[in-house]
């Protein structure tokens, strides 16, 4: 956390463990104070964070020359086209938005249908790997 950036919005220092006193509060406009007072018994907090290391996760989505995701909106199956040789093997992994590996498999051939009906509804990533070192990441919505 960056120094001196932690702030409880609406905290004027005079209402510890009590309801906000909006008539005396100078830390936010009166309408904001009243909305905070009515909405909750907790105040929102803001702060600036300093990230020293690169966060893990997907750094870019790539449109590979060998792989193509046919349907980015999918119900029960994802359709993948692979332009490598028919006998060439490739593998795949499906991740949720938290980076958890949910499904994986190995395939060969130019077009595959991957069963995804066990996935929950929402956004996911599929990473496709050829054994020649090519990698492609696609985002899809499971409905």
C-alpha atoms as a PDB file:
ATOM      1  CA  UNK A   1       0.000   0.000   0.000  1.00  0.00           C
ATOM      2  CA  UNK A   2       1.287   3.461  -0.862  1.00  0.00           C
ATOM      3  CA  UNK A   3       1.994   5.630   2.183  1.00  0.00           C
ATOM      4  CA  UNK A   4      -0.818   7.851   3.472  1.00  0.00           C
ATOM      5  CA  UNK A   5      -3.392   6.664   0.927  1.00  0.00           C
ATOM      6  CA  UNK A   6      -5.712   4.588   3.154  1.00  0.00           C
ATOM      7  CA  UNK A   7      -8.960   6.489   3.635  1.00  0.00           C
ATOM      8  CA  UNK A   8     -12.367   5.534   5.012  1.00  0.00           C
ATOM      9  CA  UNK A   9     -14.700   7.652   2.885  1.00  0.00           C
ATOM     10  CA  UNK A  10     -16.915   9.758   5.163  1.00  0.00           C
ATOM     11  CA  UNK A  11     -14.790   9.276   8.284  1.00  0.00           C
ATOM     12  CA  UNK A  12     -14.274  12.692   9.830  1.00  0.00           C
ATOM     13  CA  UNK A  13     -12.661  11.278  12.970  1.00  0.00           C
ATOM     14  CA  UNK A  14     -15.633  12.218  15.196  1.00  0.00           C
ATOM     15  CA  UNK A  15     -17.962   9.236  14.765  1.00  0.00           C
ATOM     16  CA  UNK A  16     -15.964   6.232  15.976  1.00  0.00           C
ATOM     17  CA  UNK A  17     -18.322   3.310  16.671  1.00  0.00           C
ATOM     18  CA  UNK A  18     -21.348   5.616  16.247  1.00  0.00           C
ATOM     19  CA  UNK A  19     -23.577   6.705  13.391  1.00  0.00           C
ATOM     20  CA  UNK A  20     -22.223   9.404  11.109  1.00  0.00           C
ATOM     21  CA  UNK A  21     -23.167  12.941  12.119  1.00  0.00           C
ATOM     22  CA  UNK A  22     -23.768  14.481   8.719  1.00  0.00           C
ATOM     23  CA  UNK A  23     -24.536  17.996   9.961  1.00  0.00           C
ATOM     24  CA  UNK A  24     -20.984  18.286  11.325  1.00  0.00           C
ATOM     25  CA  UNK A  25     -19.106  16.071   8.854  1.00  0.00           C
ATOM     26  CA  UNK A  26     -16.772  18.033   6.567  1.00  0.00           C
ATOM     27  CA  UNK A  27     -14.974  15.053   4.976  1.00  0.00           C
ATOM     28  CA  UNK A  28     -17.592  14.537   2.231  1.00  0.00           C
ATOM     29  CA  UNK A  29     -20.509  16.542   0.825  1.00  0.00           C
ATOM     30  CA  UNK A  30     -23.722  16.314   2.939  1.00  0.00           C
ATOM     31  CA  UNK A  31     -25.568  14.216   0.335  1.00  0.00           C
ATOM     32  CA  UNK A  32     -22.716  11.667   0.244  1.00  0.00           C
ATOM     33  CA  UNK A  33     -22.594  11.530   4.038  1.00  0.00           C
ATOM     34  CA  UNK A  34     -26.333  10.930   4.236  1.00  0.00           C
ATOM     35  CA  UNK A  35     -26.149   8.187   1.595  1.00  0.00           C
ATOM     36  CA  UNK A  36     -23.307   6.488   3.513  1.00  0.00           C
ATOM     37  CA  UNK A  37     -25.229   6.771   6.783  1.00  0.00           C
ATOM     38  CA  UNK A  38     -28.382   5.226   5.316  1.00  0.00           C
ATOM     39  CA  UNK A  39     -26.704   2.537   3.217  1.00  0.00           C
ATOM     40  CA  UNK A  40     -24.587   0.673   5.747  1.00  0.00           C
ATOM     41  CA  UNK A  41     -22.964   0.562   9.147  1.00  0.00           C
ATOM     42  CA  UNK A  42     -19.549   0.306   7.452  1.00  0.00           C
ATOM     43  CA  UNK A  43     -17.703   2.924   5.436  1.00  0.00           C
ATOM     44  CA  UNK A  44     -16.060   2.231   2.070  1.00  0.00           C
ATOM     45  CA  UNK A  45     -12.271   2.285   2.047  1.00  0.00           C
ATOM     46  CA  UNK A  46      -9.980   3.599  -0.673  1.00  0.00           C
ATOM     47  CA  UNK A  47      -6.221   3.167  -0.979  1.00  0.00           C
ATOM     48  CA  UNK A  48      -3.490   3.094  -3.581  1.00  0.00           C
ATOM     49  CA  UNK A  49      -1.662  -0.179  -3.973  1.00  0.00           C
ATOM     50  CA  UNK A  50       1.898  -0.578  -5.158  1.00  0.00           C
ATOM     51  CA  UNK A  51       2.519  -3.774  -7.132  1.00  0.00           C
ATOM     52  CA  UNK A  52       6.198  -4.662  -7.139  1.00  0.00           C
ATOM     53  CA  UNK A  53       5.971  -7.887  -9.136  1.00  0.00           C
ATOM     54  CA  UNK A  54       4.012  -8.623 -12.260  1.00  0.00           C
ATOM     55  CA  UNK A  55       0.741 -10.282 -11.363  1.00  0.00           C
ATOM     56  CA  UNK A  56       0.212 -13.791 -12.614  1.00  0.00           C
ATOM     57  CA  UNK A  57      -2.452 -14.529 -15.167  1.00  0.00           C
ATOM     58  CA  UNK A  58      -3.081 -14.024 -18.837  1.00  0.00           C
ATOM     59  CA  UNK A  59      -0.881 -11.247 -20.195  1.00  0.00           C
ATOM     60  CA  UNK A  60      -2.368 -11.315 -23.677  1.00  0.00           C
ATOM     61  CA  UNK A  61      -4.947 -13.098 -25.732  1.00  0.00           C
ATOM     62  CA  UNK A  62      -3.466 -14.362 -28.954  1.00  0.00           C
ATOM     63  CA  UNK A  63      -4.919 -15.265 -32.283  1.00  0.00           C
ATOM     64  CA  UNK A  64      -2.619 -18.093 -33.243  1.00  0.00           C
ATOM     65  CA  UNK A  65      -1.963 -18.888 -36.856  1.00  0.00           C
ATOM     66  CA  UNK A  66      -2.589 -22.592 -36.181  1.00  0.00           C
ATOM     67  CA  UNK A  67      -5.473 -22.500 -33.699  1.00  0.00           C
ATOM     68  CA  UNK A  68      -8.899 -20.938 -34.024  1.00  0.00           C
ATOM     69  CA  UNK A  69     -11.768 -20.927 -31.542  1.00  0.00           C
ATOM     70  CA  UNK A  70     -14.927 -21.246 -33.648  1.00  0.00           C
ATOM     71  CA  UNK A  71     -17.481 -20.373 -30.952  1.00  0.00           C
ATOM     72  CA  UNK A  72     -16.596 -17.915 -28.195  1.00  0.00           C
ATOM     73  CA  UNK A  73     -20.170 -18.215 -26.876  1.00  0.00           C
ATOM     74  CA  UNK A  74     -20.624 -21.870 -25.979  1.00  0.00           C
ATOM     75  CA  UNK A  75     -23.274 -24.027 -24.375  1.00  0.00           C
ATOM     76  CA  UNK A  76     -22.028 -27.605 -24.078  1.00  0.00           C
ATOM     77  CA  UNK A  77     -19.106 -27.761 -26.533  1.00  0.00           C
ATOM     78  CA  UNK A  78     -16.192 -25.642 -27.721  1.00  0.00           C
ATOM     79  CA  UNK A  79     -15.208 -26.012 -31.359  1.00  0.00           C
ATOM     80  CA  UNK A  80     -11.494 -25.765 -32.122  1.00  0.00           C
ATOM     81  CA  UNK A  81      -9.850 -25.685 -35.544  1.00  0.00           C
ATOM     82  CA  UNK A  82      -6.188 -26.623 -35.782  1.00  0.00           C
ATOM     83  CA  UNK A  83      -4.359 -26.086 -39.064  1.00  0.00           C
ATOM     84  CA  UNK A  84      -1.406 -28.365 -38.280  1.00  0.00           C
ATOM     85  CA  UNK A  85      -1.008 -31.765 -39.895  1.00  0.00           C
ATOM     86  CA  UNK A  86      -3.849 -34.228 -39.327  1.00  0.00           C
ATOM     87  CA  UNK A  87      -1.590 -36.570 -37.338  1.00  0.00           C
ATOM     88  CA  UNK A  88      -0.053 -33.824 -35.186  1.00  0.00           C
ATOM     89  CA  UNK A  89      -1.012 -33.928 -31.518  1.00  0.00           C
ATOM     90  CA  UNK A  90      -1.921 -30.859 -29.454  1.00  0.00           C
ATOM     91  CA  UNK A  91      -3.243 -30.314 -25.965  1.00  0.00           C
ATOM     92  CA  UNK A  92      -5.508 -27.867 -24.187  1.00  0.00           C
ATOM     93  CA  UNK A  93      -6.412 -26.558 -20.730  1.00  0.00           C
ATOM     94  CA  UNK A  94      -9.496 -24.653 -19.578  1.00  0.00           C
ATOM     95  CA  UNK A  95      -9.162 -22.156 -16.722  1.00  0.00           C
ATOM     96  CA  UNK A  96     -11.688 -20.097 -14.800  1.00  0.00           C
ATOM     97  CA  UNK A  97     -11.169 -16.373 -14.181  1.00  0.00           C
ATOM     98  CA  UNK A  98      -9.259 -17.165 -10.953  1.00  0.00           C
ATOM     99  CA  UNK A  99      -6.708 -19.208 -12.902  1.00  0.00           C
ATOM    100  CA  UNK A 100      -7.846 -22.618 -11.683  1.00  0.00           C
ATOM    101  CA  UNK A 101      -7.338 -25.430 -14.192  1.00  0.00           C
ATOM    102  CA  UNK A 102     -10.780 -26.987 -14.653  1.00  0.00           C
ATOM    103  CA  UNK A 103     -10.387 -29.235 -17.698  1.00  0.00           C
ATOM    104  CA  UNK A 104      -7.564 -30.498 -19.895  1.00  0.00           C
ATOM    105  CA  UNK A 105      -6.964 -32.949 -22.675  1.00  0.00           C
ATOM    106  CA  UNK A 106      -4.852 -34.080 -25.594  1.00  0.00           C
ATOM    107  CA  UNK A 107      -6.089 -34.162 -29.166  1.00  0.00           C
ATOM    108  CA  UNK A 108      -5.000 -34.788 -32.729  1.00  0.00           C
ATOM    109  CA  UNK A 109      -6.638 -33.742 -35.933  1.00  0.00           C
ATOM    110  CA  UNK A 110      -7.832 -30.574 -37.590  1.00  0.00           C
ATOM    111  CA  UNK A 111     -11.140 -29.988 -35.797  1.00  0.00           C
ATOM    112  CA  UNK A 112     -12.265 -30.969 -32.331  1.00  0.00           C
ATOM    113  CA  UNK A 113     -15.360 -30.515 -30.234  1.00  0.00           C
ATOM    114  CA  UNK A 114     -14.502 -30.231 -26.530  1.00  0.00           C
ATOM    115  CA  UNK A 115     -17.239 -31.056 -24.024  1.00  0.00           C
ATOM    116  CA  UNK A 116     -17.602 -28.221 -21.473  1.00  0.00           C
ATOM    117  CA  UNK A 117     -21.018 -28.912 -19.919  1.00  0.00           C
ATOM    118  CA  UNK A 118     -19.390 -29.457 -16.492  1.00  0.00           C
ATOM    119  CA  UNK A 119     -18.245 -25.805 -16.401  1.00  0.00           C
ATOM    120  CA  UNK A 120     -20.215 -23.168 -14.536  1.00  0.00           C
ATOM    121  CA  UNK A 121     -21.812 -20.321 -16.460  1.00  0.00           C
ATOM    122  CA  UNK A 122     -19.446 -17.403 -17.043  1.00  0.00           C
ATOM    123  CA  UNK A 123     -16.127 -16.390 -18.577  1.00  0.00           C
ATOM    124  CA  UNK A 124     -13.320 -18.914 -19.002  1.00  0.00           C
ATOM    125  CA  UNK A 125     -10.016 -19.205 -20.870  1.00  0.00           C
ATOM    126  CA  UNK A 126      -8.796 -22.029 -23.034  1.00  0.00           C
ATOM    127  CA  UNK A 127      -5.081 -22.366 -23.695  1.00  0.00           C
ATOM    128  CA  UNK A 128      -4.085 -24.472 -26.701  1.00  0.00           C
ATOM    129  CA  UNK A 129      -0.576 -25.868 -27.158  1.00  0.00           C
ATOM    130  CA  UNK A 130       1.003 -27.534 -30.151  1.00  0.00           C
ATOM    131  CA  UNK A 131       3.921 -29.862 -29.519  1.00  0.00           C
ATOM    132  CA  UNK A 132       5.980 -27.603 -31.799  1.00  0.00           C
ATOM    133  CA  UNK A 133       5.787 -24.897 -29.106  1.00  0.00           C
ATOM    134  CA  UNK A 134       2.935 -22.768 -30.389  1.00  0.00           C
ATOM    135  CA  UNK A 135       0.534 -21.458 -27.740  1.00  0.00           C
ATOM    136  CA  UNK A 136      -2.767 -19.644 -28.088  1.00  0.00           C
ATOM    137  CA  UNK A 137      -5.153 -18.303 -25.427  1.00  0.00           C
ATOM    138  CA  UNK A 138      -8.816 -17.623 -26.117  1.00  0.00           C
ATOM    139  CA  UNK A 139     -11.542 -16.305 -23.841  1.00  0.00           C
ATOM    140  CA  UNK A 140     -15.038 -17.788 -24.089  1.00  0.00           C
ATOM    141  CA  UNK A 141     -18.388 -17.382 -22.385  1.00  0.00           C
ATOM    142  CA  UNK A 142     -20.091 -20.553 -21.169  1.00  0.00           C
ATOM    143  CA  UNK A 143     -23.856 -20.010 -21.154  1.00  0.00           C
END
